[in-house]
Amino acid sequence: RPPNEVATGEWKVMLRPGLDLPGGRGFNIADPALGGHLVWTLPPDGGAGRILSEEDKSESVNLKKENSVEYVIGFKRDRAAQIERVEWHYHDSAAEEDRNFRSVAISVSEHSPIGPWRAVGKMALEASDASAQLELESPTWARFVRLSAELEAEAEGSKEPGVIRIRERPGGDDYVSILTEWGEA
């Protein structure tokens, strides 16, 4: 190599603190592409991580013994984030008669995926609506989010959500997204 030639091995894009890339909506930090992951479900379902994907991979949930299902979602490297909104969306393939969940209670834990849990709100679900959201009163710290979905009285099952999104508070001068570099990461 000639002595006046420069070569690089790695590039990093550095942005000014407070730059709001998602345009005020907050990142969907439940998205697996951003490190979101399903920690556990009750009843257990090894493939339930599909509910975090934007692709329509939803399946029917058979709940003959239970009348509810729980999903616990964690974020990138199990970091704690300030969240503003939780969204529940059925995909277009979920017929109205297959949307049998009627409410979803939302709880957060700042410590572990088994609690302690603090209730932050409840979403009502209507079969006629393909989506619902819970807008929190103020940004809320969460390391894990638990969604407890209740079936309507006579139903034995339901189509699961096509996608669950959890929106992080947009970054600013007093808050930095969990998606930024921290420590050794």
C-alpha atoms as a PDB file:
ATOM      1  CA  ARG A   1       0.000   0.000   0.000  1.00  0.00           C
ATOM      2  CA  PRO A   2       1.308   3.466  -0.786  1.00  0.00           C
ATOM      3  CA  PRO A   3       2.107   5.551   2.344  1.00  0.00           C
ATOM      4  CA  ASN A   4      -0.436   8.276   1.459  1.00  0.00           C
ATOM      5  CA  GLU A   5      -3.442   5.886   1.151  1.00  0.00           C
ATOM      6  CA  VAL A   6      -6.043   5.724   3.906  1.00  0.00           C
ATOM      7  CA  ALA A   7      -8.200   2.660   4.654  1.00  0.00           C
ATOM      8  CA  THR A   8     -11.035   2.150   7.115  1.00  0.00           C
ATOM      9  CA  GLY A   9     -12.268  -1.044   8.693  1.00  0.00           C
ATOM     10  CA  GLU A  10     -15.463   0.123  10.418  1.00  0.00           C
ATOM     11  CA  TRP A  11     -17.952   2.962  10.116  1.00  0.00           C
ATOM     12  CA  LYS A  12     -20.221   4.360  12.766  1.00  0.00           C
ATOM     13  CA  VAL A  13     -22.935   6.896  12.199  1.00  0.00           C
ATOM     14  CA  MET A  14     -23.043   9.407  15.010  1.00  0.00           C
ATOM     15  CA  LEU A  15     -26.147  11.547  15.428  1.00  0.00           C
ATOM     16  CA  ARG A  16     -26.640  14.545  17.620  1.00  0.00           C
ATOM     17  CA  PRO A  17     -28.380  13.788  20.943  1.00  0.00           C
ATOM     18  CA  GLY A  18     -32.100  14.434  20.841  1.00  0.00           C
ATOM     19  CA  LEU A  19     -32.521  13.756  17.101  1.00  0.00           C
ATOM     20  CA  ASP A  20     -35.943  12.131  16.704  1.00  0.00           C
ATOM     21  CA  LEU A  21     -35.563   9.551  13.915  1.00  0.00           C
ATOM     22  CA  PRO A  22     -39.065   8.008  14.244  1.00  0.00           C
ATOM     23  CA  GLY A  23     -40.725  11.406  13.842  1.00  0.00           C
ATOM     24  CA  GLY A  24     -42.464  11.677  17.225  1.00  0.00           C
ATOM     25  CA  ARG A  25     -44.016   8.175  17.136  1.00  0.00           C
ATOM     26  CA  GLY A  26     -41.303   6.432  19.138  1.00  0.00           C
ATOM     27  CA  PHE A  27     -39.575   3.255  18.037  1.00  0.00           C
ATOM     28  CA  ASN A  28     -41.476  -0.036  18.222  1.00  0.00           C
ATOM     29  CA  ILE A  29     -39.037  -1.605  20.677  1.00  0.00           C
ATOM     30  CA  ALA A  30     -40.971  -4.901  20.675  1.00  0.00           C
ATOM     31  CA  ASP A  31     -39.858  -5.424  17.051  1.00  0.00           C
ATOM     32  CA  PRO A  32     -37.407  -8.371  16.862  1.00  0.00           C
ATOM     33  CA  ALA A  33     -35.299  -6.412  14.342  1.00  0.00           C
ATOM     34  CA  LEU A  34     -34.690  -3.882  17.151  1.00  0.00           C
ATOM     35  CA  GLY A  35     -34.040  -6.489  19.868  1.00  0.00           C
ATOM     36  CA  GLY A  36     -37.620  -7.013  21.079  1.00  0.00           C
ATOM     37  CA  HIS A  37     -38.426 -10.559  22.133  1.00  0.00           C
ATOM     38  CA  LEU A  38     -41.164 -12.651  23.638  1.00  0.00           C
ATOM     39  CA  VAL A  39     -39.931 -13.842  27.037  1.00  0.00           C
ATOM     40  CA  TRP A  40     -42.778 -16.217  27.888  1.00  0.00           C
ATOM     41  CA  THR A  41     -46.443 -16.985  27.330  1.00  0.00           C
ATOM     42  CA  LEU A  42     -49.113 -18.608  29.442  1.00  0.00           C
ATOM     43  CA  PRO A  43     -50.274 -21.106  28.342  1.00  0.00           C
ATOM     44  CA  PRO A  44     -46.839 -21.943  26.918  1.00  0.00           C
ATOM     45  CA  ASP A  45     -46.452 -21.606  23.145  1.00  0.00           C
ATOM     46  CA  GLY A  46     -42.947 -21.989  21.769  1.00  0.00           C
ATOM     47  CA  GLY A  47     -43.770 -20.219  18.505  1.00  0.00           C
ATOM     48  CA  ALA A  48     -45.664 -17.274  19.949  1.00  0.00           C
ATOM     49  CA  GLY A  49     -42.793 -14.891  19.130  1.00  0.00           C
ATOM     50  CA  ARG A  50     -44.546 -14.540  15.780  1.00  0.00           C
ATOM     51  CA  ILE A  51     -46.874 -11.937  17.383  1.00  0.00           C
ATOM     52  CA  LEU A  52     -44.018  -9.402  17.328  1.00  0.00           C
ATOM     53  CA  SER A  53     -43.461  -9.700  13.574  1.00  0.00           C
ATOM     54  CA  GLU A  54     -45.101  -7.342  11.085  1.00  0.00           C
ATOM     55  CA  GLU A  55     -45.712 -10.337   8.791  1.00  0.00           C
ATOM     56  CA  ASP A  56     -49.031 -12.155   9.145  1.00  0.00           C
ATOM     57  CA  LYS A  57     -47.991 -15.309  10.987  1.00  0.00           C
ATOM     58  CA  SER A  58     -50.868 -15.280  13.481  1.00  0.00           C
ATOM     59  CA  GLU A  59     -52.549 -18.508  14.474  1.00  0.00           C
ATOM     60  CA  SER A  60     -55.606 -19.506  16.442  1.00  0.00           C
ATOM     61  CA  VAL A  61     -55.265 -19.905  20.185  1.00  0.00           C
ATOM     62  CA  ASN A  62     -57.265 -22.774  21.678  1.00  0.00           C
ATOM     63  CA  LEU A  63     -58.094 -22.056  25.317  1.00  0.00           C
ATOM     64  CA  LYS A  64     -60.542 -24.753  26.427  1.00  0.00           C
ATOM     65  CA  LYS A  65     -59.112 -24.860  29.971  1.00  0.00           C
ATOM     66  CA  GLU A  66     -58.197 -21.187  30.379  1.00  0.00           C
ATOM     67  CA  ASN A  67     -60.078 -18.024  29.553  1.00  0.00           C
ATOM     68  CA  SER A  68     -56.993 -15.861  29.019  1.00  0.00           C
ATOM     69  CA  VAL A  69     -53.527 -15.769  27.547  1.00  0.00           C
ATOM     70  CA  GLU A  70     -50.499 -13.844  28.784  1.00  0.00           C
ATOM     71  CA  TYR A  71     -47.595 -12.525  26.745  1.00  0.00           C
ATOM     72  CA  VAL A  72     -44.458 -11.079  28.381  1.00  0.00           C
ATOM     73  CA  ILE A  73     -42.276  -8.983  26.101  1.00  0.00           C
ATOM     74  CA  GLY A  74     -38.723  -7.782  26.704  1.00  0.00           C
ATOM     75  CA  PHE A  75     -36.567  -5.276  24.883  1.00  0.00           C
ATOM     76  CA  LYS A  76     -33.040  -5.139  23.482  1.00  0.00           C
ATOM     77  CA  ARG A  77     -30.635  -6.735  25.972  1.00  0.00           C
ATOM     78  CA  ASP A  78     -33.470  -6.637  28.542  1.00  0.00           C
ATOM     79  CA  ARG A  79     -32.924  -2.906  28.958  1.00  0.00           C
ATOM     80  CA  ALA A  80     -35.419  -0.674  30.752  1.00  0.00           C
ATOM     81  CA  ALA A  81     -37.139   1.902  28.544  1.00  0.00           C
ATOM     82  CA  GLN A  82     -39.732   4.589  28.898  1.00  0.00           C
ATOM     83  CA  ILE A  83     -42.802   3.477  26.963  1.00  0.00           C
ATOM     84  CA  GLU A  84     -45.731   5.609  25.846  1.00  0.00           C
ATOM     85  CA  ARG A  85     -48.107   3.301  23.982  1.00  0.00           C
ATOM     86  CA  VAL A  86     -49.005  -0.376  23.560  1.00  0.00           C
ATOM     87  CA  GLU A  87     -50.726  -1.454  20.340  1.00  0.00           C
ATOM     88  CA  TRP A  88     -52.653  -4.677  19.577  1.00  0.00           C
ATOM     89  CA  HIS A  89     -53.374  -5.358  15.897  1.00  0.00           C
ATOM     90  CA  TYR A  90     -55.181  -8.221  14.228  1.00  0.00           C
ATOM     91  CA  HIS A  91     -54.100  -8.823  10.646  1.00  0.00           C
ATOM     92  CA  ASP A  92     -56.622  -8.603   7.842  1.00  0.00           C
ATOM     93  CA  SER A  93     -56.779 -12.410   7.691  1.00  0.00           C
ATOM     94  CA  ALA A  94     -58.437 -12.517  11.148  1.00  0.00           C
ATOM     95  CA  ALA A  95     -62.158 -12.653  10.481  1.00  0.00           C
ATOM     96  CA  GLU A  96     -64.411 -10.720  12.849  1.00  0.00           C
ATOM     97  CA  GLU A  97     -65.902 -13.946  14.256  1.00  0.00           C
ATOM     98  CA  ASP A  98     -62.363 -15.162  15.137  1.00  0.00           C
ATOM     99  CA  ARG A  99     -61.471 -12.061  17.208  1.00  0.00           C
ATOM    100  CA  ASN A 100     -62.702 -13.269  20.592  1.00  0.00           C
ATOM    101  CA  PHE A 101     -60.417 -11.446  23.013  1.00  0.00           C
ATOM    102  CA  ARG A 102     -62.418  -8.689  24.738  1.00  0.00           C
ATOM    103  CA  SER A 103     -59.862  -6.919  26.922  1.00  0.00           C
ATOM    104  CA  VAL A 104     -56.123  -6.745  27.446  1.00  0.00           C
ATOM    105  CA  ALA A 105     -54.677  -5.705  30.817  1.00  0.00           C
ATOM    106  CA  ILE A 106     -51.202  -4.158  30.568  1.00  0.00           C
ATOM    107  CA  SER A 107     -48.643  -4.397  33.385  1.00  0.00           C
ATOM    108  CA  VAL A 108     -44.975  -3.440  33.543  1.00  0.00           C
ATOM    109  CA  SER A 109     -42.003  -4.673  35.540  1.00  0.00           C
ATOM    110  CA  GLU A 110     -38.806  -2.716  35.992  1.00  0.00           C
ATOM    111  CA  HIS A 111     -37.011  -5.720  37.477  1.00  0.00           C
ATOM    112  CA  SER A 112     -37.637  -9.151  35.984  1.00  0.00           C
ATOM    113  CA  PRO A 113     -39.907 -11.068  33.601  1.00  0.00           C
ATOM    114  CA  ILE A 114     -41.739 -12.573  36.583  1.00  0.00           C
ATOM    115  CA  GLY A 115     -42.491  -9.286  38.315  1.00  0.00           C
ATOM    116  CA  PRO A 116     -43.270  -7.571  40.493  1.00  0.00           C
ATOM    117  CA  TRP A 117     -45.908  -6.186  38.129  1.00  0.00           C
ATOM    118  CA  ARG A 118     -47.511  -2.750  38.167  1.00  0.00           C
ATOM    119  CA  ALA A 119     -50.784  -2.314  36.262  1.00  0.00           C
ATOM    120  CA  VAL A 120     -50.717   0.612  33.822  1.00  0.00           C
ATOM    121  CA  GLY A 121     -54.041   0.238  32.019  1.00  0.00           C
ATOM    122  CA  LYS A 122     -56.484  -1.858  30.056  1.00  0.00           C
ATOM    123  CA  MET A 123     -57.534  -1.953  26.401  1.00  0.00           C
ATOM    124  CA  ALA A 124     -61.046  -2.890  25.354  1.00  0.00           C
ATOM    125  CA  LEU A 125     -61.162  -5.025  22.199  1.00  0.00           C
ATOM    126  CA  GLU A 126     -64.151  -5.125  19.882  1.00  0.00           C
ATOM    127  CA  ALA A 127     -64.547  -7.859  17.261  1.00  0.00           C
ATOM    128  CA  SER A 128     -65.419  -5.179  14.719  1.00  0.00           C
ATOM    129  CA  ASP A 129     -62.097  -3.364  15.296  1.00  0.00           C
ATOM    130  CA  ALA A 130     -58.881  -4.826  13.943  1.00  0.00           C
ATOM    131  CA  SER A 131     -56.758  -2.873  16.407  1.00  0.00           C
ATOM    132  CA  ALA A 132     -56.658  -1.173  19.781  1.00  0.00           C
ATOM    133  CA  GLN A 133     -54.098   0.857  21.662  1.00  0.00           C
ATOM    134  CA  LEU A 134     -53.388   2.033  25.157  1.00  0.00           C
ATOM    135  CA  GLU A 135     -51.863   5.495  25.360  1.00  0.00           C
ATOM    136  CA  LEU A 136     -50.187   5.826  28.764  1.00  0.00           C
ATOM    137  CA  GLU A 137     -50.825   8.990  30.777  1.00  0.00           C
ATOM    138  CA  SER A 138     -47.099   9.686  30.921  1.00  0.00           C
ATOM    139  CA  PRO A 139     -43.946   7.857  29.796  1.00  0.00           C
ATOM    140  CA  THR A 140     -43.567   4.778  32.019  1.00  0.00           C
ATOM    141  CA  TRP A 141     -40.398   2.842  32.822  1.00  0.00           C
ATOM    142  CA  ALA A 142     -40.560  -0.824  31.843  1.00  0.00           C
ATOM    143  CA  ARG A 143     -38.019  -3.581  31.415  1.00  0.00           C
ATOM    144  CA  PHE A 144     -40.769  -6.111  30.655  1.00  0.00           C
ATOM    145  CA  VAL A 145     -44.394  -5.656  29.578  1.00  0.00           C
ATOM    146  CA  ARG A 146     -47.120  -8.210  30.321  1.00  0.00           C
ATOM    147  CA  LEU A 147     -50.292  -8.338  28.243  1.00  0.00           C
ATOM    148  CA  SER A 148     -53.118 -10.415  29.767  1.00  0.00           C
ATOM    149  CA  ALA A 149     -55.852 -10.974  27.175  1.00  0.00           C
ATOM    150  CA  GLU A 150     -59.299 -12.185  28.320  1.00  0.00           C
ATOM    151  CA  LEU A 151     -61.668 -14.159  26.085  1.00  0.00           C
ATOM    152  CA  GLU A 152     -65.326 -13.335  25.747  1.00  0.00           C
ATOM    153  CA  ALA A 153     -67.512 -15.544  27.967  1.00  0.00           C
ATOM    154  CA  GLU A 154     -68.597 -18.287  25.530  1.00  0.00           C
ATOM    155  CA  ALA A 155     -65.469 -18.481  23.367  1.00  0.00           C
ATOM    156  CA  GLU A 156     -63.025 -21.390  23.532  1.00  0.00           C
ATOM    157  CA  GLY A 157     -60.383 -19.692  21.473  1.00  0.00           C
ATOM    158  CA  SER A 158     -59.453 -16.713  19.331  1.00  0.00           C
ATOM    159  CA  LYS A 159     -57.151 -15.605  16.608  1.00  0.00           C
ATOM    160  CA  GLU A 160     -54.032 -14.245  18.285  1.00  0.00           C
ATOM    161  CA  PRO A 161     -52.889 -10.697  17.555  1.00  0.00           C
ATOM    162  CA  GLY A 162     -51.120 -10.316  14.250  1.00  0.00           C
ATOM    163  CA  VAL A 163     -48.640  -7.948  15.845  1.00  0.00           C
ATOM    164  CA  ILE A 164     -48.089  -6.283  19.207  1.00  0.00           C
ATOM    165  CA  ARG A 165     -46.149  -3.026  19.182  1.00  0.00           C
ATOM    166  CA  ILE A 166     -44.714  -1.175  22.166  1.00  0.00           C
ATOM    167  CA  ARG A 167     -43.741   2.414  21.417  1.00  0.00           C
ATOM    168  CA  GLU A 168     -40.780   3.909  23.235  1.00  0.00           C
ATOM    169  CA  ARG A 169     -40.782   7.524  24.275  1.00  0.00           C
ATOM    170  CA  PRO A 170     -39.035   9.545  21.546  1.00  0.00           C
ATOM    171  CA  GLY A 171     -35.503  10.581  22.459  1.00  0.00           C
ATOM    172  CA  GLY A 172     -34.753  14.109  23.564  1.00  0.00           C
ATOM    173  CA  ASP A 173     -32.462  16.145  25.751  1.00  0.00           C
ATOM    174  CA  ASP A 174     -33.638  14.295  28.876  1.00  0.00           C
ATOM    175  CA  TYR A 175     -34.111  10.762  27.459  1.00  0.00           C
ATOM    176  CA  VAL A 176     -31.927   8.583  25.244  1.00  0.00           C
ATOM    177  CA  SER A 177     -33.381   5.583  23.390  1.00  0.00           C
ATOM    178  CA  ILE A 178     -32.445   2.075  24.511  1.00  0.00           C
ATOM    179  CA  LEU A 179     -31.422   1.434  20.899  1.00  0.00           C
ATOM    180  CA  THR A 180     -28.335   3.629  21.246  1.00  0.00           C
ATOM    181  CA  GLU A 181     -24.929   2.337  22.302  1.00  0.00           C
ATOM    182  CA  TRP A 182     -24.429   1.821  26.029  1.00  0.00           C
ATOM    183  CA  GLY A 183     -21.285   0.682  27.858  1.00  0.00           C
ATOM    184  CA  GLU A 184     -19.579  -2.213  26.050  1.00  0.00           C
ATOM    185  CA  ALA A 185     -22.487  -2.485  23.582  1.00  0.00           C
END
